């Protein structure tokens, strides 16, 4: 991966994790304050994790649109470059075989 696509990917991933962590902490706080009900038995942590995933996914989709688009463009450009190199190698191999 080139430096730019790696940084775009890392930036997007870190942002997704940040949104998830914020949702998790907010939900945990609401459970701690008893605004949200506690789950059954020891499943409280799992319940909060699942709810944080469900809430953070659409938030990430909306809030990280620019980062996702930038990452997509860079990954696509990298894939096009790799395809061009592969095609060049194939044509070079075809030329030496004949």
N, C-alpha and C. Protein backbone atom coordinates (compact mmCIF):
# COMPACT_ATOMS: atom_id res chain seq x y z
N UNK A 1 0.83 -1.18 0.00
CA UNK A 1 0.00 0.00 0.00
C UNK A 1 0.88 1.24 0.00
N UNK A 2 0.49 2.22 -0.75
CA UNK A 2 1.28 3.45 -0.75
C UNK A 2 0.99 4.24 0.51
N UNK A 3 1.82 5.24 0.76
CA UNK A 3 1.67 6.04 1.97
C UNK A 3 0.33 6.73 2.07
N UNK A 4 -0.15 7.28 0.95
CA UNK A 4 -1.42 8.00 0.99
C UNK A 4 -2.60 7.10 1.25
N UNK A 5 -2.66 5.96 0.57
CA UNK A 5 -3.79 5.07 0.78
C UNK A 5 -3.73 4.45 2.16
N UNK A 6 -2.53 4.21 2.66
CA UNK A 6 -2.41 3.67 4.01
C UNK A 6 -2.89 4.70 5.02
N UNK A 7 -2.52 5.95 4.83
CA UNK A 7 -2.95 6.98 5.78
C UNK A 7 -4.46 7.21 5.68
N UNK A 8 -5.01 7.16 4.48
CA UNK A 8 -6.46 7.32 4.33
C UNK A 8 -7.19 6.15 4.99
N UNK A 9 -6.66 4.96 4.82
CA UNK A 9 -7.27 3.78 5.42
C UNK A 9 -7.16 3.83 6.94
N UNK A 10 -5.99 4.20 7.43
CA UNK A 10 -5.81 4.32 8.88
C UNK A 10 -6.69 5.41 9.47
N UNK A 11 -6.80 6.54 8.78
CA UNK A 11 -7.63 7.65 9.25
C UNK A 11 -9.09 7.22 9.33
N UNK A 12 -9.56 6.52 8.29
CA UNK A 12 -10.95 6.06 8.27
C UNK A 12 -11.20 5.03 9.37
N UNK A 13 -10.27 4.08 9.51
CA UNK A 13 -10.42 3.04 10.52
C UNK A 13 -10.39 3.63 11.93
N UNK A 14 -9.47 4.55 12.16
CA UNK A 14 -9.40 5.20 13.47
C UNK A 14 -10.67 6.00 13.76
N UNK A 15 -11.21 6.64 12.75
CA UNK A 15 -12.45 7.40 12.93
C UNK A 15 -13.61 6.46 13.25
N UNK A 16 -13.68 5.33 12.56
CA UNK A 16 -14.74 4.35 12.85
C UNK A 16 -14.63 3.83 14.27
N UNK A 17 -13.40 3.50 14.67
CA UNK A 17 -13.20 3.02 16.03
C UNK A 17 -13.55 4.10 17.06
N UNK A 18 -13.22 5.34 16.74
CA UNK A 18 -13.55 6.45 17.63
C UNK A 18 -15.06 6.63 17.80
N UNK A 19 -15.78 6.54 16.71
CA UNK A 19 -17.24 6.66 16.78
C UNK A 19 -17.82 5.49 17.58
N UNK A 20 -17.30 4.28 17.35
CA UNK A 20 -17.76 3.13 18.11
C UNK A 20 -17.48 3.32 19.60
N UNK A 21 -16.26 3.75 19.93
CA UNK A 21 -15.89 3.94 21.34
C UNK A 21 -16.78 5.00 22.00
N UNK A 22 -17.06 6.08 21.28
CA UNK A 22 -17.92 7.12 21.83
C UNK A 22 -19.33 6.58 22.08
N UNK A 23 -19.85 5.81 21.13
CA UNK A 23 -21.17 5.20 21.33
C UNK A 23 -21.16 4.24 22.51
N UNK A 24 -20.12 3.43 22.60
CA UNK A 24 -20.02 2.46 23.70
C UNK A 24 -19.98 3.18 25.05
N UNK A 25 -19.14 4.20 25.14
CA UNK A 25 -19.02 4.92 26.42
C UNK A 25 -20.31 5.65 26.77
N UNK A 26 -20.98 6.23 25.78
CA UNK A 26 -22.25 6.90 26.04
C UNK A 26 -23.30 5.90 26.52
N UNK A 27 -23.38 4.76 25.86
CA UNK A 27 -24.35 3.74 26.28
C UNK A 27 -24.02 3.18 27.66
N UNK A 28 -22.73 2.93 27.90
CA UNK A 28 -22.31 2.42 29.20
C UNK A 28 -22.68 3.42 30.30
N UNK A 29 -22.48 4.70 30.01
CA UNK A 29 -22.86 5.74 30.97
C UNK A 29 -24.35 5.76 31.22
N UNK A 30 -25.13 5.59 30.18
CA UNK A 30 -26.59 5.57 30.35
C UNK A 30 -27.04 4.34 31.14
N UNK A 31 -26.38 3.21 30.94
CA UNK A 31 -26.71 2.02 31.73
C UNK A 31 -26.28 2.23 33.18
N UNK A 32 -25.12 2.82 33.37
CA UNK A 32 -24.62 3.07 34.72
C UNK A 32 -25.55 4.01 35.48
N UNK A 33 -26.07 5.02 34.78
CA UNK A 33 -27.00 5.97 35.40
C UNK A 33 -28.42 5.42 35.46
N UNK A 34 -28.61 4.22 34.97
CA UNK A 34 -29.89 3.52 34.95
C UNK A 34 -30.95 4.22 34.09
N UNK A 35 -30.48 4.95 33.09
CA UNK A 35 -31.40 5.52 32.09
C UNK A 35 -31.83 4.40 31.15
N UNK A 36 -30.89 3.54 30.79
CA UNK A 36 -31.19 2.35 30.00
C UNK A 36 -31.21 1.15 30.93
N UNK A 37 -32.06 0.17 30.66
CA UNK A 37 -32.15 -0.98 31.55
C UNK A 37 -30.91 -1.87 31.47
N UNK A 38 -30.60 -2.51 32.57
CA UNK A 38 -29.53 -3.50 32.59
C UNK A 38 -30.02 -4.76 31.89
N UNK A 39 -29.09 -5.46 31.26
CA UNK A 39 -29.45 -6.71 30.58
C UNK A 39 -29.59 -7.82 31.62
N UNK A 40 -29.90 -9.01 31.15
CA UNK A 40 -30.09 -10.14 32.05
C UNK A 40 -28.76 -10.68 32.54
N UNK A 41 -28.60 -10.82 33.80
CA UNK A 41 -27.40 -11.44 34.38
C UNK A 41 -26.12 -10.74 34.00
N UNK A 42 -25.15 -11.55 33.50
CA UNK A 42 -23.83 -11.03 33.15
C UNK A 42 -23.74 -10.60 31.68
N UNK A 43 -24.83 -10.56 30.97
CA UNK A 43 -24.80 -10.22 29.54
C UNK A 43 -24.80 -8.72 29.29
N UNK A 44 -24.67 -7.91 30.32
CA UNK A 44 -24.75 -6.47 30.16
C UNK A 44 -23.68 -5.93 29.21
N UNK A 45 -22.43 -6.38 29.34
CA UNK A 45 -21.36 -5.90 28.47
C UNK A 45 -21.64 -6.25 27.02
N UNK A 46 -22.07 -7.47 26.78
CA UNK A 46 -22.39 -7.89 25.42
C UNK A 46 -23.54 -7.07 24.84
N UNK A 47 -24.53 -6.80 25.64
CA UNK A 47 -25.68 -5.99 25.20
C UNK A 47 -25.22 -4.58 24.81
N UNK A 48 -24.38 -3.98 25.62
CA UNK A 48 -23.88 -2.63 25.33
C UNK A 48 -23.01 -2.65 24.08
N UNK A 49 -22.16 -3.67 23.93
CA UNK A 49 -21.32 -3.78 22.73
C UNK A 49 -22.17 -3.88 21.46
N UNK A 50 -23.16 -4.76 21.50
CA UNK A 50 -24.03 -4.94 20.32
C UNK A 50 -24.80 -3.66 20.00
N UNK A 51 -25.33 -3.02 21.01
CA UNK A 51 -26.06 -1.78 20.79
C UNK A 51 -25.14 -0.68 20.25
N UNK A 52 -23.90 -0.63 20.74
CA UNK A 52 -22.94 0.35 20.24
C UNK A 52 -22.61 0.09 18.78
N UNK A 53 -22.50 -1.17 18.38
CA UNK A 53 -22.25 -1.50 16.98
C UNK A 53 -23.43 -1.05 16.11
N UNK A 54 -24.63 -1.34 16.58
CA UNK A 54 -25.84 -0.99 15.81
C UNK A 54 -25.98 0.53 15.66
N UNK A 55 -25.63 1.26 16.68
CA UNK A 55 -25.76 2.73 16.63
C UNK A 55 -24.60 3.35 15.86
N UNK A 56 -23.38 2.84 16.04
CA UNK A 56 -22.22 3.47 15.41
C UNK A 56 -22.16 3.22 13.90
N UNK A 57 -22.74 2.13 13.41
CA UNK A 57 -22.67 1.83 11.97
C UNK A 57 -23.34 2.92 11.13
N UNK A 58 -24.60 3.28 11.37
CA UNK A 58 -25.19 4.35 10.55
C UNK A 58 -24.54 5.71 10.79
N UNK A 59 -24.09 5.96 12.03
CA UNK A 59 -23.39 7.22 12.29
C UNK A 59 -22.11 7.30 11.46
N UNK A 60 -21.35 6.21 11.42
CA UNK A 60 -20.13 6.17 10.63
C UNK A 60 -20.44 6.36 9.15
N UNK A 61 -21.51 5.72 8.69
CA UNK A 61 -21.88 5.83 7.28
C UNK A 61 -22.14 7.27 6.89
N UNK A 62 -22.80 8.02 7.75
CA UNK A 62 -23.14 9.42 7.45
C UNK A 62 -21.96 10.35 7.74
N UNK A 63 -21.35 10.20 8.90
CA UNK A 63 -20.32 11.15 9.33
C UNK A 63 -18.98 10.98 8.63
N UNK A 64 -18.69 9.78 8.13
CA UNK A 64 -17.38 9.53 7.54
C UNK A 64 -17.44 9.39 6.02
N UNK A 65 -18.42 9.98 5.40
CA UNK A 65 -18.58 9.86 3.95
C UNK A 65 -17.35 10.38 3.20
N UNK A 66 -16.84 11.54 3.59
CA UNK A 66 -15.68 12.11 2.89
C UNK A 66 -14.44 11.22 3.04
N UNK A 67 -14.20 10.73 4.26
CA UNK A 67 -13.05 9.87 4.47
C UNK A 67 -13.19 8.56 3.69
N UNK A 68 -14.40 8.00 3.66
CA UNK A 68 -14.63 6.75 2.94
C UNK A 68 -14.43 6.95 1.45
N UNK A 69 -14.93 8.08 0.91
CA UNK A 69 -14.75 8.37 -0.52
C UNK A 69 -13.28 8.57 -0.87
N UNK A 70 -12.55 9.27 -0.01
CA UNK A 70 -11.11 9.49 -0.25
C UNK A 70 -10.36 8.16 -0.22
N UNK A 71 -10.70 7.31 0.73
CA UNK A 71 -10.06 6.01 0.81
C UNK A 71 -10.39 5.17 -0.41
N UNK A 72 -11.63 5.23 -0.85
CA UNK A 72 -12.07 4.46 -2.01
C UNK A 72 -11.33 4.90 -3.28
N UNK A 73 -11.18 6.19 -3.46
CA UNK A 73 -10.47 6.71 -4.64
C UNK A 73 -9.02 6.24 -4.62
N UNK A 74 -8.37 6.32 -3.48
CA UNK A 74 -6.97 5.93 -3.39
C UNK A 74 -6.79 4.43 -3.58
N UNK A 75 -7.69 3.64 -3.04
CA UNK A 75 -7.59 2.19 -3.22
C UNK A 75 -7.85 1.82 -4.67
N UNK A 76 -8.81 2.48 -5.30
CA UNK A 76 -9.12 2.23 -6.70
C UNK A 76 -7.93 2.60 -7.60
N UNK A 77 -7.30 3.72 -7.31
CA UNK A 77 -6.13 4.13 -8.09
C UNK A 77 -5.00 3.12 -7.92
N UNK A 78 -4.82 2.63 -6.72
CA UNK A 78 -3.78 1.62 -6.46
C UNK A 78 -4.09 0.32 -7.21
N UNK A 79 -5.35 -0.09 -7.22
CA UNK A 79 -5.75 -1.30 -7.94
C UNK A 79 -5.53 -1.13 -9.44
N UNK A 80 -5.85 0.05 -9.98
CA UNK A 80 -5.62 0.31 -11.40
C UNK A 80 -4.13 0.25 -11.74
N UNK A 81 -3.29 0.78 -10.87
CA UNK A 81 -1.85 0.75 -11.08
C UNK A 81 -1.34 -0.69 -11.06
N UNK A 82 -1.83 -1.48 -10.12
CA UNK A 82 -1.40 -2.88 -10.05
C UNK A 82 -1.87 -3.65 -11.28
N UNK A 83 -3.06 -3.36 -11.77
CA UNK A 83 -3.57 -4.02 -12.97
C UNK A 83 -2.72 -3.65 -14.19
N UNK A 84 -2.35 -2.38 -14.29
CA UNK A 84 -1.52 -1.93 -15.40
C UNK A 84 -0.16 -2.63 -15.36
N UNK A 85 0.42 -2.77 -14.16
CA UNK A 85 1.71 -3.46 -14.04
C UNK A 85 1.58 -4.93 -14.42
N UNK A 86 0.50 -5.56 -14.01
CA UNK A 86 0.26 -6.96 -14.36
C UNK A 86 0.12 -7.13 -15.87
N UNK A 87 -0.64 -6.23 -16.50
CA UNK A 87 -0.79 -6.28 -17.95
C UNK A 87 0.54 -6.07 -18.66
N UNK A 88 1.37 -5.15 -18.14
CA UNK A 88 2.68 -4.91 -18.72
C UNK A 88 3.56 -6.15 -18.58
N UNK A 89 3.50 -6.79 -17.44
CA UNK A 89 4.29 -8.02 -17.24
C UNK A 89 3.83 -9.13 -18.18
N UNK A 90 2.52 -9.25 -18.35
CA UNK A 90 2.00 -10.27 -19.26
C UNK A 90 2.46 -10.04 -20.70
N UNK A 91 2.39 -8.78 -21.14
CA UNK A 91 2.80 -8.48 -22.52
C UNK A 91 4.31 -8.69 -22.67
N UNK A 92 5.07 -8.42 -21.64
CA UNK A 92 6.52 -8.62 -21.68
C UNK A 92 6.82 -10.13 -21.76
N UNK A 93 6.08 -10.92 -20.98
CA UNK A 93 6.28 -12.36 -21.02
C UNK A 93 5.88 -12.92 -22.38
N UNK A 94 4.79 -12.43 -22.95
CA UNK A 94 4.35 -12.89 -24.27
C UNK A 94 5.41 -12.58 -25.33
N UNK A 95 6.06 -11.44 -25.21
CA UNK A 95 7.09 -11.04 -26.17
C UNK A 95 8.32 -11.93 -26.09
N UNK A 96 8.69 -12.40 -24.91
CA UNK A 96 9.89 -13.25 -24.78
C UNK A 96 9.61 -14.68 -25.16
N UNK A 97 8.36 -15.15 -25.06
CA UNK A 97 8.01 -16.53 -25.39
C UNK A 97 8.00 -16.71 -26.92
N UNK A 98 7.55 -15.72 -27.65
CA UNK A 98 7.39 -15.84 -29.09
C UNK A 98 8.67 -15.77 -29.82
